PDB file of all heavy atoms in Angstrom:
ATOM      1  N   ASP A   1     -41.566  46.995 -64.107  1.00  0.00           N
ATOM      2  CA  ASP A   1     -42.781  46.565 -63.388  1.00  0.00           C
ATOM      3  C   ASP A   1     -42.639  45.130 -62.914  1.00  0.00           C
ATOM      4  O   ASP A   1     -43.027  44.784 -61.795  1.00  0.00           O
ATOM      5  CB  ASP A   1     -44.029  46.724 -64.259  1.00  0.00           C
ATOM      6  CG  ASP A   1     -44.385  48.174 -64.537  1.00  0.00           C
ATOM      7  OD1 ASP A   1     -43.895  49.067 -63.809  1.00  0.00           O
ATOM      8  OD2 ASP A   1     -45.168  48.399 -65.490  1.00  0.00           O
ATOM      9  N   LEU A   2     -42.116  44.275 -63.801  1.00  0.00           N
ATOM     10  CA  LEU A   2     -41.856  42.874 -63.409  1.00  0.00           C
ATOM     11  C   LEU A   2     -40.899  42.812 -62.230  1.00  0.00           C
ATOM     12  O   LEU A   2     -41.092  42.001 -61.312  1.00  0.00           O
ATOM     13  CB  LEU A   2     -41.275  42.079 -64.594  1.00  0.00           C
ATOM     14  CG  LEU A   2     -42.197  41.739 -65.738  1.00  0.00           C
ATOM     15  CD1 LEU A   2     -41.390  41.073 -66.862  1.00  0.00           C
ATOM     16  CD2 LEU A   2     -43.286  40.815 -65.284  1.00  0.00           C
ATOM     17  N   LYS A   3     -39.877  43.647 -62.227  1.00  0.00           N
ATOM     18  CA  LYS A   3     -38.897  43.649 -61.135  1.00  0.00           C
ATOM     19  C   LYS A   3     -39.565  44.095 -59.833  1.00  0.00           C
ATOM     20  O   LYS A   3     -39.293  43.525 -58.782  1.00  0.00           O
ATOM     21  CB  LYS A   3     -37.714  44.570 -61.493  1.00  0.00           C
ATOM     22  CG  LYS A   3     -36.696  44.725 -60.399  1.00  0.00           C
ATOM     23  CD  LYS A   3     -35.882  43.468 -60.187  1.00  0.00           C
ATOM     24  CE  LYS A   3     -34.696  43.697 -59.279  1.00  0.00           C
ATOM     25  NZ  LYS A   3     -34.934  43.323 -57.897  1.00  0.00           N
ATOM     26  N   GLU A   4     -40.441  45.087 -59.899  1.00  0.00           N
ATOM     27  CA  GLU A   4     -41.153  45.523 -58.681  1.00  0.00           C
ATOM     28  C   GLU A   4     -42.022  44.399 -58.163  1.00  0.00           C
ATOM     29  O   GLU A   4     -42.097  44.166 -56.953  1.00  0.00           O
ATOM     30  CB  GLU A   4     -41.991  46.760 -58.989  1.00  0.00           C
ATOM     31  CG  GLU A   4     -41.186  48.028 -59.183  1.00  0.00           C
ATOM     32  CD  GLU A   4     -42.006  49.210 -59.628  1.00  0.00           C
ATOM     33  OE1 GLU A   4     -43.255  49.178 -59.512  1.00  0.00           O
ATOM     34  OE2 GLU A   4     -41.411  50.194 -60.101  1.00  0.00           O
ATOM     35  N   ASN A   5     -42.708  43.701 -59.061  1.00  0.00           N
ATOM     36  CA  ASN A   5     -43.515  42.544 -58.680  1.00  0.00           C
ATOM     37  C   ASN A   5     -42.631  41.470 -58.044  1.00  0.00           C
ATOM     38  O   ASN A   5     -42.985  40.855 -57.017  1.00  0.00           O
ATOM     39  CB  ASN A   5     -44.248  42.003 -59.907  1.00  0.00           C
ATOM     40  CG  ASN A   5     -45.121  40.816 -59.569  1.00  0.00           C
ATOM     41  OD1 ASN A   5     -44.635  39.707 -59.381  1.00  0.00           O
ATOM     42  ND2 ASN A   5     -46.428  41.039 -59.528  1.00  0.00           N
ATOM     43  N   LEU A   6     -41.469  41.250 -58.637  1.00  0.00           N
ATOM     44  CA  LEU A   6     -40.522  40.255 -58.115  1.00  0.00           C
ATOM     45  C   LEU A   6     -40.045  40.640 -56.718  1.00  0.00           C
ATOM     46  O   LEU A   6     -39.924  39.784 -55.828  1.00  0.00           O
ATOM     47  CB  LEU A   6     -39.333  40.120 -59.079  1.00  0.00           C
ATOM     48  CG  LEU A   6     -38.342  39.018 -58.738  1.00  0.00           C
ATOM     49  CD1 LEU A   6     -38.958  37.657 -58.996  1.00  0.00           C
ATOM     50  CD2 LEU A   6     -37.081  39.173 -59.573  1.00  0.00           C
ATOM     51  N   ASP A   7     -39.803  41.930 -56.524  1.00  0.00           N
ATOM     52  CA  ASP A   7     -39.396  42.408 -55.188  1.00  0.00           C
ATOM     53  C   ASP A   7     -40.467  42.139 -54.152  1.00  0.00           C
ATOM     54  O   ASP A   7     -40.174  41.765 -53.022  1.00  0.00           O
ATOM     55  CB  ASP A   7     -39.045  43.902 -55.217  1.00  0.00           C
ATOM     56  CG  ASP A   7     -37.779  44.188 -56.032  1.00  0.00           C
ATOM     57  OD1 ASP A   7     -36.989  43.258 -56.281  1.00  0.00           O
ATOM     58  OD2 ASP A   7     -37.577  45.364 -56.418  1.00  0.00           O
ATOM     59  N   ARG A   8     -41.748  42.357 -54.528  1.00  0.00           N
ATOM     60  CA  ARG A   8     -42.851  42.042 -53.606  1.00  0.00           C
ATOM     61  C   ARG A   8     -42.874  40.544 -53.300  1.00  0.00           C
ATOM     62  O   ARG A   8     -43.061  40.133 -52.140  1.00  0.00           O
ATOM     63  CB  ARG A   8     -44.202  42.478 -54.206  1.00  0.00           C
ATOM     64  CG  ARG A   8     -44.433  43.958 -54.127  1.00  0.00           C
ATOM     65  CD  ARG A   8     -45.884  44.318 -54.474  1.00  0.00           C
ATOM     66  NE  ARG A   8     -46.241  44.014 -55.862  1.00  0.00           N
ATOM     67  CZ  ARG A   8     -45.977  44.786 -56.908  1.00  0.00           C
ATOM     68  NH1 ARG A   8     -45.352  45.946 -56.724  1.00  0.00           N
ATOM     69  NH2 ARG A   8     -46.338  44.462 -58.125  1.00  0.00           N
ATOM     70  N   ARG A   9     -42.697  39.726 -54.346  1.00  0.00           N
ATOM     71  CA  ARG A   9     -42.683  38.267 -54.131  1.00  0.00           C
ATOM     72  C   ARG A   9     -41.513  37.862 -53.233  1.00  0.00           C
ATOM     73  O   ARG A   9     -41.645  36.922 -52.439  1.00  0.00           O
ATOM     74  CB  ARG A   9     -42.607  37.562 -55.471  1.00  0.00           C
ATOM     75  CG  ARG A   9     -43.918  37.661 -56.235  1.00  0.00           C
ATOM     76  CD  ARG A   9     -43.839  37.092 -57.629  1.00  0.00           C
ATOM     77  NE  ARG A   9     -43.247  35.795 -57.707  1.00  0.00           N
ATOM     78  CZ  ARG A   9     -42.601  35.336 -58.778  1.00  0.00           C
ATOM     79  NH1 ARG A   9     -42.480  36.062 -59.854  1.00  0.00           N
ATOM     80  NH2 ARG A   9     -42.071  34.113 -58.772  1.00  0.00           N
ATOM     81  N   GLU A  10     -40.393  38.549 -53.346  1.00  0.00           N
ATOM     82  CA  GLU A  10     -39.232  38.238 -52.513  1.00  0.00           C
ATOM     83  C   GLU A  10     -39.559  38.476 -51.060  1.00  0.00           C
ATOM     84  O   GLU A  10     -39.181  37.704 -50.174  1.00  0.00           O
ATOM     85  CB  GLU A  10     -38.005  39.064 -52.929  1.00  0.00           C
ATOM     86  CG  GLU A  10     -36.677  38.530 -52.377  1.00  0.00           C
ATOM     87  CD  GLU A  10     -36.411  38.881 -50.928  1.00  0.00           C
ATOM     88  OE1 GLU A  10     -36.841  39.950 -50.475  1.00  0.00           O
ATOM     89  OE2 GLU A  10     -35.757  38.061 -50.258  1.00  0.00           O
ATOM     90  N   ARG A  11     -40.300  39.550 -50.785  1.00  0.00           N
ATOM     91  CA  ARG A  11     -40.684  39.822 -49.387  1.00  0.00           C
ATOM     92  C   ARG A  11     -41.624  38.738 -48.866  1.00  0.00           C
ATOM     93  O   ARG A  11     -41.507  38.329 -47.709  1.00  0.00           O
ATOM     94  CB  ARG A  11     -41.328  41.218 -49.299  1.00  0.00           C
ATOM     95  CG  ARG A  11     -40.317  42.340 -49.471  1.00  0.00           C
ATOM     96  CD  ARG A  11     -40.905  43.714 -49.156  1.00  0.00           C
ATOM     97  NE  ARG A  11     -41.887  44.150 -50.123  1.00  0.00           N
ATOM     98  CZ  ARG A  11     -41.621  44.776 -51.271  1.00  0.00           C
ATOM     99  NH1 ARG A  11     -40.357  45.004 -51.602  1.00  0.00           N
ATOM    100  NH2 ARG A  11     -42.596  45.164 -52.087  1.00  0.00           N
ATOM    101  N   VAL A  12     -42.518  38.248 -49.730  1.00  0.00           N
ATOM    102  CA  VAL A  12     -43.410  37.154 -49.314  1.00  0.00           C
ATOM    103  C   VAL A  12     -42.608  35.888 -49.031  1.00  0.00           C
ATOM    104  O   VAL A  12     -42.807  35.239 -47.997  1.00  0.00           O
ATOM    105  CB  VAL A  12     -44.487  36.888 -50.414  1.00  0.00           C
ATOM    106  CG1 VAL A  12     -45.249  35.611 -50.125  1.00  0.00           C
ATOM    107  CG2 VAL A  12     -45.435  38.072 -50.536  1.00  0.00           C
ATOM    108  N   VAL A  13     -41.691  35.559 -49.937  1.00  0.00           N
ATOM    109  CA  VAL A  13     -40.848  34.362 -49.756  1.00  0.00           C
ATOM    110  C   VAL A  13     -40.006  34.508 -48.495  1.00  0.00           C
ATOM    111  O   VAL A  13     -39.873  33.555 -47.717  1.00  0.00           O
ATOM    112  CB  VAL A  13     -39.969  34.104 -51.004  1.00  0.00           C
ATOM    113  CG1 VAL A  13     -38.896  33.061 -50.722  1.00  0.00           C
ATOM    114  CG2 VAL A  13     -40.849  33.660 -52.189  1.00  0.00           C
ATOM    115  N   SER A  14     -39.457  35.697 -48.288  1.00  0.00           N
ATOM    116  CA  SER A  14     -38.676  35.934 -47.069  1.00  0.00           C
ATOM    117  C   SER A  14     -39.513  35.708 -45.820  1.00  0.00           C
ATOM    118  O   SER A  14     -39.031  35.125 -44.849  1.00  0.00           O
ATOM    119  CB  SER A  14     -38.156  37.395 -47.073  1.00  0.00           C
ATOM    120  OG  SER A  14     -36.772  37.431 -47.098  1.00  0.00           O
ATOM    121  N   GLY A  15     -40.736  36.181 -45.861  1.00  0.00           N
ATOM    122  CA  GLY A  15     -41.645  35.970 -44.726  1.00  0.00           C
ATOM    123  C   GLY A  15     -41.924  34.502 -44.474  1.00  0.00           C
ATOM    124  O   GLY A  15     -41.950  34.061 -43.321  1.00  0.00           O
ATOM    125  N   ILE A  16     -42.116  33.754 -45.542  1.00  0.00           N
ATOM    126  CA  ILE A  16     -42.340  32.306 -45.399  1.00  0.00           C
ATOM    127  C   ILE A  16     -41.102  31.648 -44.801  1.00  0.00           C
ATOM    128  O   ILE A  16     -41.212  30.877 -43.838  1.00  0.00           O
ATOM    129  CB  ILE A  16     -42.650  31.676 -46.797  1.00  0.00           C
ATOM    130  CG1 ILE A  16     -44.034  32.146 -47.282  1.00  0.00           C
ATOM    131  CG2 ILE A  16     -42.587  30.161 -46.704  1.00  0.00           C
ATOM    132  CD1 ILE A  16     -44.331  31.794 -48.717  1.00  0.00           C
ATOM    133  N   LEU A  17     -39.944  31.961 -45.361  1.00  0.00           N
ATOM    134  CA  LEU A  17     -38.707  31.334 -44.885  1.00  0.00           C
ATOM    135  C   LEU A  17     -38.382  31.699 -43.437  1.00  0.00           C
ATOM    136  O   LEU A  17     -37.835  30.887 -42.696  1.00  0.00           O
ATOM    137  CB  LEU A  17     -37.535  31.683 -45.817  1.00  0.00           C
ATOM    138  CG  LEU A  17     -37.632  31.176 -47.248  1.00  0.00           C
ATOM    139  CD1 LEU A  17     -36.407  31.604 -48.047  1.00  0.00           C
ATOM    140  CD2 LEU A  17     -37.806  29.670 -47.284  1.00  0.00           C
ATOM    141  N   ALA A  18     -38.770  32.920 -43.034  1.00  0.00           N
ATOM    142  CA  ALA A  18     -38.501  33.372 -41.649  1.00  0.00           C
ATOM    143  C   ALA A  18     -39.201  32.475 -40.641  1.00  0.00           C
ATOM    144  O   ALA A  18     -38.756  32.354 -39.500  1.00  0.00           O
ATOM    145  CB  ALA A  18     -38.929  34.836 -41.501  1.00  0.00           C
ATOM    146  N   LYS A  19     -40.329  31.834 -41.054  1.00  0.00           N
ATOM    147  CA  LYS A  19     -41.051  30.937 -40.120  1.00  0.00           C
ATOM    148  C   LYS A  19     -40.273  29.647 -39.885  1.00  0.00           C
ATOM    149  O   LYS A  19     -40.467  29.004 -38.854  1.00  0.00           O
ATOM    150  CB  LYS A  19     -42.424  30.590 -40.707  1.00  0.00           C
ATOM    151  CG  LYS A  19     -43.386  31.759 -40.830  1.00  0.00           C
ATOM    152  CD  LYS A  19     -44.778  31.341 -41.219  1.00  0.00           C
ATOM    153  CE  LYS A  19     -44.805  30.591 -42.548  1.00  0.00           C
ATOM    154  NZ  LYS A  19     -46.165  30.336 -43.046  1.00  0.00           N
ATOM    155  N   TYR A  20     -39.435  29.244 -40.853  1.00  0.00           N
ATOM    156  CA  TYR A  20     -38.806  27.916 -40.789  1.00  0.00           C
ATOM    157  C   TYR A  20     -37.291  27.928 -40.570  1.00  0.00           C
ATOM    158  O   TYR A  20     -36.755  26.979 -40.020  1.00  0.00           O
ATOM    159  CB  TYR A  20     -39.077  27.154 -42.090  1.00  0.00           C
ATOM    160  CG  TYR A  20     -40.523  26.930 -42.378  1.00  0.00           C
ATOM    161  CD1 TYR A  20     -41.187  27.708 -43.314  1.00  0.00           C
ATOM    162  CD2 TYR A  20     -41.250  25.934 -41.714  1.00  0.00           C
ATOM    163  CE1 TYR A  20     -42.537  27.495 -43.613  1.00  0.00           C
ATOM    164  CE2 TYR A  20     -42.588  25.727 -42.001  1.00  0.00           C
ATOM    165  CZ  TYR A  20     -43.221  26.506 -42.940  1.00  0.00           C
ATOM    166  OH  TYR A  20     -44.543  26.298 -43.218  1.00  0.00           O
ATOM    167  N   LEU A  21     -36.625  28.957 -41.055  1.00  0.00           N
ATOM    168  CA  LEU A  21     -35.164  28.948 -41.031  1.00  0.00           C
ATOM    169  C   LEU A  21     -34.621  29.664 -39.786  1.00  0.00           C
ATOM    170  O   LEU A  21     -35.274  30.564 -39.244  1.00  0.00           O
ATOM    171  CB  LEU A  21     -34.624  29.640 -42.295  1.00  0.00           C
ATOM    172  CG  LEU A  21     -35.021  29.053 -43.647  1.00  0.00           C
ATOM    173  CD1 LEU A  21     -34.391  29.872 -44.775  1.00  0.00           C
ATOM    174  CD2 LEU A  21     -34.625  27.584 -43.753  1.00  0.00           C
ATOM    175  N   THR A  22     -33.420  29.281 -39.428  1.00  0.00           N
ATOM    176  CA  THR A  22     -32.720  30.005 -38.335  1.00  0.00           C
ATOM    177  C   THR A  22     -32.308  31.373 -38.868  1.00  0.00           C
ATOM    178  O   THR A  22     -32.317  31.607 -40.098  1.00  0.00           O
ATOM    179  CB  THR A  22     -31.458  29.224 -37.896  1.00  0.00           C
ATOM    180  OG1 THR A  22     -30.528  29.203 -38.983  1.00  0.00           O
ATOM    181  CG2 THR A  22     -31.784  27.811 -37.456  1.00  0.00           C
ATOM    182  N   ASP A  23     -31.908  32.254 -37.976  1.00  0.00           N
ATOM    183  CA  ASP A  23     -31.454  33.565 -38.405  1.00  0.00           C
ATOM    184  C   ASP A  23     -30.267  33.427 -39.374  1.00  0.00           C
ATOM    185  O   ASP A  23     -30.194  34.156 -40.365  1.00  0.00           O
ATOM    186  CB  ASP A  23     -31.041  34.411 -37.200  1.00  0.00           C
ATOM    187  CG  ASP A  23     -32.247  34.915 -36.423  1.00  0.00           C
ATOM    188  OD1 ASP A  23     -33.369  34.886 -36.966  1.00  0.00           O
ATOM    189  OD2 ASP A  23     -32.054  35.362 -35.248  1.00  0.00           O
ATOM    190  N   GLN A  24     -29.356  32.522 -39.072  1.00  0.00           N
ATOM    191  CA  GLN A  24     -28.176  32.317 -39.937  1.00  0.00           C
ATOM    192  C   GLN A  24     -28.607  31.802 -41.300  1.00  0.00           C
ATOM    193  O   GLN A  24     -28.105  32.281 -42.329  1.00  0.00           O
ATOM    194  CB  GLN A  24     -27.197  31.333 -39.293  1.00  0.00           C
ATOM    195  CG  GLN A  24     -25.933  31.102 -40.125  1.00  0.00           C
ATOM    196  CD  GLN A  24     -25.154  32.384 -40.338  1.00  0.00           C
ATOM    197  OE1 GLN A  24     -24.860  33.123 -39.399  1.00  0.00           O
ATOM    198  NE2 GLN A  24     -24.790  32.666 -41.590  1.00  0.00           N
ATOM    199  N   GLN A  25     -29.528  30.864 -41.361  1.00  0.00           N
ATOM    200  CA  GLN A  25     -30.009  30.336 -42.633  1.00  0.00           C
ATOM    201  C   GLN A  25     -30.732  31.425 -43.427  1.00  0.00           C
ATOM    202  O   GLN A  25     -30.571  31.501 -44.655  1.00  0.00           O
ATOM    203  CB  GLN A  25     -30.964  29.150 -42.406  1.00  0.00           C
ATOM    204  CG  GLN A  25     -30.270  27.897 -41.924  1.00  0.00           C
ATOM    205  CD  GLN A  25     -31.247  26.829 -41.511  1.00  0.00           C
ATOM    206  OE1 GLN A  25     -32.294  27.123 -40.913  1.00  0.00           O
ATOM    207  NE2 GLN A  25     -30.930  25.575 -41.811  1.00  0.00           N
ATOM    208  N   LEU A  26     -31.475  32.249 -42.727  1.00  0.00           N
ATOM    209  CA  LEU A  26     -32.171  33.340 -43.412  1.00  0.00           C
ATOM    210  C   LEU A  26     -31.169  34.364 -43.970  1.00  0.00           C
ATOM    211  O   LEU A  26     -31.348  34.847 -45.086  1.00  0.00           O
ATOM    212  CB  LEU A  26     -33.126  34.033 -42.430  1.00  0.00           C
ATOM    213  CG  LEU A  26     -34.259  34.852 -43.006  1.00  0.00           C
ATOM    214  CD1 LEU A  26     -35.083  34.070 -44.011  1.00  0.00           C
ATOM    215  CD2 LEU A  26     -35.145  35.382 -41.888  1.00  0.00           C
ATOM    216  N   GLN A  27     -30.123  34.627 -43.218  1.00  0.00           N
ATOM    217  CA  GLN A  27     -29.042  35.490 -43.687  1.00  0.00           C
ATOM    218  C   GLN A  27     -28.378  34.884 -44.933  1.00  0.00           C
ATOM    219  O   GLN A  27     -28.079  35.587 -45.890  1.00  0.00           O
ATOM    220  CB  GLN A  27     -27.993  35.683 -42.608  1.00  0.00           C
ATOM    221  CG  GLN A  27     -27.963  37.038 -41.980  1.00  0.00           C
ATOM    222  CD  GLN A  27     -26.823  37.146 -40.985  1.00  0.00           C
ATOM    223  OE1 GLN A  27     -26.399  36.187 -40.355  1.00  0.00           O
ATOM    224  NE2 GLN A  27     -26.324  38.352 -40.856  1.00  0.00           N
ATOM    225  N   ASP A  28     -28.161  33.582 -44.877  1.00  0.00           N
ATOM    226  CA  ASP A  28     -27.562  32.854 -46.035  1.00  0.00           C
ATOM    227  C   ASP A  28     -28.449  32.998 -47.268  1.00  0.00           C
ATOM    228  O   ASP A  28     -27.960  33.214 -48.361  1.00  0.00           O
ATOM    229  CB  ASP A  28     -27.319  31.391 -45.708  1.00  0.00           C
ATOM    230  CG  ASP A  28     -26.207  31.186 -44.681  1.00  0.00           C
ATOM    231  OD1 ASP A  28     -25.439  32.130 -44.437  1.00  0.00           O
ATOM    232  OD2 ASP A  28     -26.138  30.057 -44.121  1.00  0.00           O
ATOM    233  N   TYR A  29     -29.756  32.875 -47.064  1.00  0.00           N
ATOM    234  CA  TYR A  29     -30.699  33.014 -48.176  1.00  0.00           C
ATOM    235  C   TYR A  29     -30.600  34.422 -48.773  1.00  0.00           C
ATOM    236  O   TYR A  29     -30.502  34.584 -49.997  1.00  0.00           O
ATOM    237  CB  TYR A  29     -32.137  32.735 -47.687  1.00  0.00           C
ATOM    238  CG  TYR A  29     -33.194  33.389 -48.548  1.00  0.00           C
ATOM    239  CD1 TYR A  29     -33.492  32.903 -49.818  1.00  0.00           C
ATOM    240  CD2 TYR A  29     -33.866  34.519 -48.104  1.00  0.00           C
ATOM    241  CE1 TYR A  29     -34.454  33.511 -50.617  1.00  0.00           C
ATOM    242  CE2 TYR A  29     -34.828  35.134 -48.892  1.00  0.00           C
ATOM    243  CZ  TYR A  29     -35.121  34.640 -50.136  1.00  0.00           C
ATOM    244  OH  TYR A  29     -36.034  35.251 -50.923  1.00  0.00           O
ATOM    245  N   ARG A  30     -30.627  35.426 -47.924  1.00  0.00           N
ATOM    246  CA  ARG A  30     -30.583  36.824 -48.416  1.00  0.00           C
ATOM    247  C   ARG A  30     -29.253  37.104 -49.130  1.00  0.00           C
ATOM    248  O   ARG A  30     -29.228  37.767 -50.163  1.00  0.00           O
ATOM    249  CB  ARG A  30     -30.794  37.790 -47.251  1.00  0.00           C
ATOM    250  CG  ARG A  30     -32.229  37.738 -46.751  1.00  0.00           C
ATOM    251  CD  ARG A  30     -32.538  38.831 -45.748  1.00  0.00           C
ATOM    252  NE  ARG A  30     -33.952  38.783 -45.388  1.00  0.00           N
ATOM    253  CZ  ARG A  30     -34.381  38.562 -44.162  1.00  0.00           C
ATOM    254  NH1 ARG A  30     -33.552  38.424 -43.151  1.00  0.00           N
ATOM    255  NH2 ARG A  30     -35.679  38.512 -43.921  1.00  0.00           N
ATOM    256  N   ARG A  31     -28.166  36.575 -48.573  1.00  0.00           N
ATOM    257  CA  ARG A  31     -26.855  36.746 -49.215  1.00  0.00           C
ATOM    258  C   ARG A  31     -26.830  36.030 -50.560  1.00  0.00           C
ATOM    259  O   ARG A  31     -26.326  36.566 -51.537  1.00  0.00           O
ATOM    260  CB  ARG A  31     -25.755  36.236 -48.304  1.00  0.00           C
ATOM    261  CG  ARG A  31     -24.358  36.588 -48.780  1.00  0.00           C
ATOM    262  CD  ARG A  31     -23.215  36.309 -47.793  1.00  0.00           C
ATOM    263  NE  ARG A  31     -23.403  35.196 -46.905  1.00  0.00           N
ATOM    264  CZ  ARG A  31     -23.733  35.305 -45.589  1.00  0.00           C
ATOM    265  NH1 ARG A  31     -23.901  36.479 -45.039  1.00  0.00           N
ATOM    266  NH2 ARG A  31     -23.883  34.242 -44.836  1.00  0.00           N
ATOM    267  N   PHE A  32     -27.431  34.841 -50.635  1.00  0.00           N
ATOM    268  CA  PHE A  32     -27.511  34.091 -51.875  1.00  0.00           C
ATOM    269  C   PHE A  32     -28.241  34.899 -52.955  1.00  0.00           C
ATOM    270  O   PHE A  32     -27.762  35.028 -54.097  1.00  0.00           O
ATOM    271  CB  PHE A  32     -28.215  32.750 -51.658  1.00  0.00           C
ATOM    272  CG  PHE A  32     -28.625  32.067 -52.921  1.00  0.00           C
ATOM    273  CD1 PHE A  32     -27.695  31.493 -53.781  1.00  0.00           C
ATOM    274  CD2 PHE A  32     -29.974  32.011 -53.282  1.00  0.00           C
ATOM    275  CE1 PHE A  32     -28.094  30.874 -54.960  1.00  0.00           C
ATOM    276  CE2 PHE A  32     -30.374  31.379 -54.452  1.00  0.00           C
ATOM    277  CZ  PHE A  32     -29.430  30.825 -55.304  1.00  0.00           C
ATOM    278  N   VAL A  33     -29.377  35.482 -52.620  1.00  0.00           N
ATOM    279  CA  VAL A  33     -30.164  36.267 -53.586  1.00  0.00           C
ATOM    280  C   VAL A  33     -29.362  37.481 -54.047  1.00  0.00           C
ATOM    281  O   VAL A  33     -29.292  37.790 -55.233  1.00  0.00           O
ATOM    282  CB  VAL A  33     -31.523  36.709 -52.977  1.00  0.00           C
ATOM    283  CG1 VAL A  33     -32.213  37.738 -53.872  1.00  0.00           C
ATOM    284  CG2 VAL A  33     -32.408  35.485 -52.764  1.00  0.00           C
ATOM    285  N   GLN A  34     -28.692  38.144 -53.093  1.00  0.00           N
ATOM    286  CA  GLN A  34     -27.896  39.328 -53.418  1.00  0.00           C
ATOM    287  C   GLN A  34     -26.704  38.971 -54.307  1.00  0.00           C
ATOM    288  O   GLN A  34     -26.462  39.635 -55.317  1.00  0.00           O
ATOM    289  CB  GLN A  34     -27.417  39.978 -52.133  1.00  0.00           C
ATOM    290  CG  GLN A  34     -26.711  41.294 -52.313  1.00  0.00           C
ATOM    291  CD  GLN A  34     -26.290  41.897 -50.978  1.00  0.00           C
ATOM    292  OE1 GLN A  34     -26.174  41.202 -49.968  1.00  0.00           O
ATOM    293  NE2 GLN A  34     -26.041  43.193 -50.982  1.00  0.00           N
ATOM    294  N   VAL A  35     -25.993  37.906 -53.967  1.00  0.00           N
ATOM    295  CA  VAL A  35     -24.831  37.489 -54.743  1.00  0.00           C
ATOM    296  C   VAL A  35     -25.245  37.030 -56.129  1.00  0.00           C
ATOM    297  O   VAL A  35     -24.615  37.372 -57.140  1.00  0.00           O
ATOM    298  CB  VAL A  35     -24.035  36.386 -54.008  1.00  0.00           C
ATOM    299  CG1 VAL A  35     -22.984  35.748 -54.903  1.00  0.00           C
ATOM    300  CG2 VAL A  35     -23.357  36.972 -52.774  1.00  0.00           C
ATOM    301  N   LYS A  36     -26.337  36.267 -56.209  1.00  0.00           N
ATOM    302  CA  LYS A  36     -26.832  35.784 -57.525  1.00  0.00           C
ATOM    303  C   LYS A  36     -27.129  36.970 -58.433  1.00  0.00           C
ATOM    304  O   LYS A  36     -26.726  36.985 -59.597  1.00  0.00           O
ATOM    305  CB  LYS A  36     -28.066  34.926 -57.316  1.00  0.00           C
ATOM    306  CG  LYS A  36     -28.597  34.286 -58.585  1.00  0.00           C
ATOM    307  CD  LYS A  36     -29.762  33.354 -58.243  1.00  0.00           C
ATOM    308  CE  LYS A  36     -30.318  32.658 -59.446  1.00  0.00           C
ATOM    309  NZ  LYS A  36     -29.431  31.653 -60.014  1.00  0.00           N
ATOM    310  N   THR A  37     -27.785  37.977 -57.884  1.00  0.00           N
ATOM    311  CA  THR A  37     -28.135  39.170 -58.690  1.00  0.00           C
ATOM    312  C   THR A  37     -26.868  39.911 -59.119  1.00  0.00           C
ATOM    313  O   THR A  37     -26.723  40.271 -60.276  1.00  0.00           O
ATOM    314  CB  THR A  37     -29.044  40.112 -57.863  1.00  0.00           C
ATOM    315  OG1 THR A  37     -30.211  39.384 -57.475  1.00  0.00           O
ATOM    316  CG2 THR A  37     -29.456  41.315 -58.665  1.00  0.00           C
ATOM    317  N   SER A  38     -25.953  40.135 -58.198  1.00  0.00           N
ATOM    318  CA  SER A  38     -24.751  40.890 -58.537  1.00  0.00           C
ATOM    319  C   SER A  38     -23.865  40.130 -59.518  1.00  0.00           C
ATOM    320  O   SER A  38     -23.266  40.735 -60.414  1.00  0.00           O
ATOM    321  CB  SER A  38     -23.954  41.300 -57.294  1.00  0.00           C
ATOM    322  OG  SER A  38     -23.448  40.165 -56.635  1.00  0.00           O
TER     323      SER A  38
END
């Protein structure tokens, strides 16, 4: 349940970052989250 909540929060954070970051920076952020988890 905590992980599902975290996934929702990730979508919110992604939405926030999408307003400020370039597409490349946003890709870097998503890759960072994915690599950190793996």
